[in-house]
Amino acid sequence: MSIHPLAVIDPRAEIDSTVEISPFVVIEGAEQIGADTIVGFHAYIRALNKVFRAIFKTEGVLLKDALAQVTKDYGDSAPVARLVNFFKVPSRNVARVSSDE
């Protein structure tokens, strides 16, 4: 594994031993970086991608339950906490649409 000293890597990240990470890369959250991946300059990989999928793409789960799970899994991430709080404001009227509708 080759991680440049100017990269910022979350200790929860799982990085394969064959990965190369360039300078100025930020990996936030419990991300998984697979074998033979090269992460280029200034890449920003974060938990918000997984959080978005968990909130909007999980079939059969109520929004409030998805938000609770996301908070449990990623609650120590400030950007995730801001996103969850955004959805918790009742006046936003956020709704999810099922793919079978």
C-alpha atoms as a PDB file:
ATOM      1  CA  MET A   1       0.000   0.000   0.000  1.00  0.00           C
ATOM      2  CA  SER A   2       1.299   3.421  -0.930  1.00  0.00           C
ATOM      3  CA  ILE A   3      -0.333   6.340   0.896  1.00  0.00           C
ATOM      4  CA  HIS A   4       1.184   9.755   0.366  1.00  0.00           C
ATOM      5  CA  PRO A   5       1.914  11.590   3.657  1.00  0.00           C
ATOM      6  CA  LEU A   6      -0.245  14.536   2.523  1.00  0.00           C
ATOM      7  CA  ALA A   7      -3.335  12.327   2.204  1.00  0.00           C
ATOM      8  CA  VAL A   8      -5.929  12.388   4.982  1.00  0.00           C
ATOM      9  CA  ILE A   9      -7.370   8.946   5.653  1.00  0.00           C
ATOM     10  CA  ASP A  10     -10.108   8.175   8.173  1.00  0.00           C
ATOM     11  CA  PRO A  11      -8.929   5.400  10.509  1.00  0.00           C
ATOM     12  CA  ARG A  12     -12.204   3.537   9.823  1.00  0.00           C
ATOM     13  CA  ALA A  13     -11.407   3.240   6.111  1.00  0.00           C
ATOM     14  CA  GLU A  14     -10.581  -0.240   4.834  1.00  0.00           C
ATOM     15  CA  ILE A  15      -7.844   0.030   2.225  1.00  0.00           C
ATOM     16  CA  ASP A  16      -6.468  -2.925   0.289  1.00  0.00           C
ATOM     17  CA  SER A  17      -2.712  -3.443   0.481  1.00  0.00           C
ATOM     18  CA  THR A  18      -2.346  -2.822  -3.288  1.00  0.00           C
ATOM     19  CA  VAL A  19      -3.947   0.650  -3.276  1.00  0.00           C
ATOM     20  CA  GLU A  20      -2.001   3.791  -4.236  1.00  0.00           C
ATOM     21  CA  ILE A  21      -3.193   7.087  -2.743  1.00  0.00           C
ATOM     22  CA  SER A  22      -1.902  10.409  -4.092  1.00  0.00           C
ATOM     23  CA  PRO A  23      -1.313  13.671  -2.198  1.00  0.00           C
ATOM     24  CA  PHE A  24      -4.227  15.830  -1.077  1.00  0.00           C
ATOM     25  CA  VAL A  25      -6.690  12.915  -1.044  1.00  0.00           C
ATOM     26  CA  VAL A  26      -9.351  12.854   1.676  1.00  0.00           C
ATOM     27  CA  ILE A  27     -11.112   9.616   2.556  1.00  0.00           C
ATOM     28  CA  GLU A  28     -13.815  10.186   5.140  1.00  0.00           C
ATOM     29  CA  GLY A  29     -15.749   7.487   6.934  1.00  0.00           C
ATOM     30  CA  ALA A  30     -15.718   3.707   6.802  1.00  0.00           C
ATOM     31  CA  GLU A  31     -15.104   3.558   3.063  1.00  0.00           C
ATOM     32  CA  GLN A  32     -13.702   0.471   1.356  1.00  0.00           C
ATOM     33  CA  ILE A  33     -11.035   0.946  -1.298  1.00  0.00           C
ATOM     34  CA  GLY A  34     -10.523  -2.252  -3.288  1.00  0.00           C
ATOM     35  CA  ALA A  35      -7.526  -3.977  -4.808  1.00  0.00           C
ATOM     36  CA  ASP A  36      -5.334  -2.239  -7.393  1.00  0.00           C
ATOM     37  CA  THR A  37      -7.144   1.097  -7.032  1.00  0.00           C
ATOM     38  CA  ILE A  38      -5.274   4.326  -7.687  1.00  0.00           C
ATOM     39  CA  VAL A  39      -6.841   7.302  -5.916  1.00  0.00           C
ATOM     40  CA  GLY A  40      -5.750  10.446  -7.762  1.00  0.00           C
ATOM     41  CA  PHE A  41      -4.802  13.928  -6.614  1.00  0.00           C
ATOM     42  CA  HIS A  42      -7.454  15.886  -4.706  1.00  0.00           C
ATOM     43  CA  ALA A  43      -9.979  12.997  -4.642  1.00  0.00           C
ATOM     44  CA  TYR A  44     -12.572  13.279  -1.902  1.00  0.00           C
ATOM     45  CA  ILE A  45     -14.235  10.012  -0.954  1.00  0.00           C
ATOM     46  CA  ARG A  46     -16.784  10.264   1.776  1.00  0.00           C
ATOM     47  CA  ALA A  47     -19.497   8.516   3.632  1.00  0.00           C
ATOM     48  CA  LEU A  48     -22.181  10.802   2.190  1.00  0.00           C
ATOM     49  CA  ASN A  49     -22.381   8.651  -0.939  1.00  0.00           C
ATOM     50  CA  LYS A  50     -23.326   5.597   1.120  1.00  0.00           C
ATOM     51  CA  VAL A  51     -25.583   7.670   3.341  1.00  0.00           C
ATOM     52  CA  PHE A  52     -27.524   8.992   0.353  1.00  0.00           C
ATOM     53  CA  ARG A  53     -28.072   5.438  -0.899  1.00  0.00           C
ATOM     54  CA  ALA A  54     -29.127   4.274   2.580  1.00  0.00           C
ATOM     55  CA  ILE A  55     -31.680   7.078   2.869  1.00  0.00           C
ATOM     56  CA  PHE A  56     -33.137   7.024  -0.636  1.00  0.00           C
ATOM     57  CA  LYS A  57     -32.466   3.616  -2.144  1.00  0.00           C
ATOM     58  CA  THR A  58     -33.376   1.217   0.676  1.00  0.00           C
ATOM     59  CA  GLU A  59     -36.690  -0.428  -0.196  1.00  0.00           C
ATOM     60  CA  GLY A  60     -39.263  -1.002   2.522  1.00  0.00           C
ATOM     61  CA  VAL A  61     -37.605   1.204   5.157  1.00  0.00           C
ATOM     62  CA  LEU A  62     -39.313   4.316   6.492  1.00  0.00           C
ATOM     63  CA  LEU A  63     -37.375   7.569   6.206  1.00  0.00           C
ATOM     64  CA  LYS A  64     -37.213   7.948   9.995  1.00  0.00           C
ATOM     65  CA  ASP A  65     -35.786   4.430  10.320  1.00  0.00           C
ATOM     66  CA  ALA A  66     -33.241   5.049   7.550  1.00  0.00           C
ATOM     67  CA  LEU A  67     -32.146   8.261   9.278  1.00  0.00           C
ATOM     68  CA  ALA A  68     -31.790   6.412  12.593  1.00  0.00           C
ATOM     69  CA  GLN A  69     -29.625   3.733  10.962  1.00  0.00           C
ATOM     70  CA  VAL A  70     -27.463   6.325   9.208  1.00  0.00           C
ATOM     71  CA  THR A  71     -26.984   8.170  12.513  1.00  0.00           C
ATOM     72  CA  LYS A  72     -25.958   4.912  14.178  1.00  0.00           C
ATOM     73  CA  ASP A  73     -23.516   3.996  11.402  1.00  0.00           C
ATOM     74  CA  TYR A  74     -22.039   7.431  10.594  1.00  0.00           C
ATOM     75  CA  GLY A  75     -23.104   9.692  13.445  1.00  0.00           C
ATOM     76  CA  ASP A  76     -19.585  10.865  14.211  1.00  0.00           C
ATOM     77  CA  SER A  77     -19.258  12.444  10.752  1.00  0.00           C
ATOM     78  CA  ALA A  78     -20.177  16.145  10.833  1.00  0.00           C
ATOM     79  CA  PRO A  79     -21.389  16.253   7.192  1.00  0.00           C
ATOM     80  CA  VAL A  80     -23.608  13.210   7.801  1.00  0.00           C
ATOM     81  CA  ALA A  81     -25.033  14.762  10.965  1.00  0.00           C
ATOM     82  CA  ARG A  82     -25.875  17.948   9.018  1.00  0.00           C
ATOM     83  CA  LEU A  83     -27.621  15.914   6.308  1.00  0.00           C
ATOM     84  CA  VAL A  84     -29.651  13.925   8.841  1.00  0.00           C
ATOM     85  CA  ASN A  85     -30.654  17.122  10.659  1.00  0.00           C
ATOM     86  CA  PHE A  86     -31.709  18.645   7.330  1.00  0.00           C
ATOM     87  CA  PHE A  87     -34.135  15.762   6.749  1.00  0.00           C
ATOM     88  CA  LYS A  88     -35.484  15.867  10.295  1.00  0.00           C
ATOM     89  CA  VAL A  89     -36.955  19.366   9.868  1.00  0.00           C
ATOM     90  CA  PRO A  90     -40.693  18.698   9.328  1.00  0.00           C
ATOM     91  CA  SER A  91     -41.260  21.752   7.135  1.00  0.00           C
ATOM     92  CA  ARG A  92     -38.952  20.342   4.438  1.00  0.00           C
ATOM     93  CA  ASN A  93     -41.565  17.722   3.447  1.00  0.00           C
ATOM     94  CA  VAL A  94     -38.945  15.261   2.212  1.00  0.00           C
ATOM     95  CA  ALA A  95     -40.483  12.123   0.761  1.00  0.00           C
ATOM     96  CA  ARG A  96     -39.157   9.012  -0.910  1.00  0.00           C
ATOM     97  CA  VAL A  97     -40.877   7.332  -3.818  1.00  0.00           C
ATOM     98  CA  SER A  98     -40.880   3.569  -4.102  1.00  0.00           C
ATOM     99  CA  SER A  99     -39.535   2.126  -7.350  1.00  0.00           C
ATOM    100  CA  ASP A 100     -42.605  -0.090  -7.703  1.00  0.00           C
ATOM    101  CA  GLU A 101     -45.075   2.821  -7.743  1.00  0.00           C
END
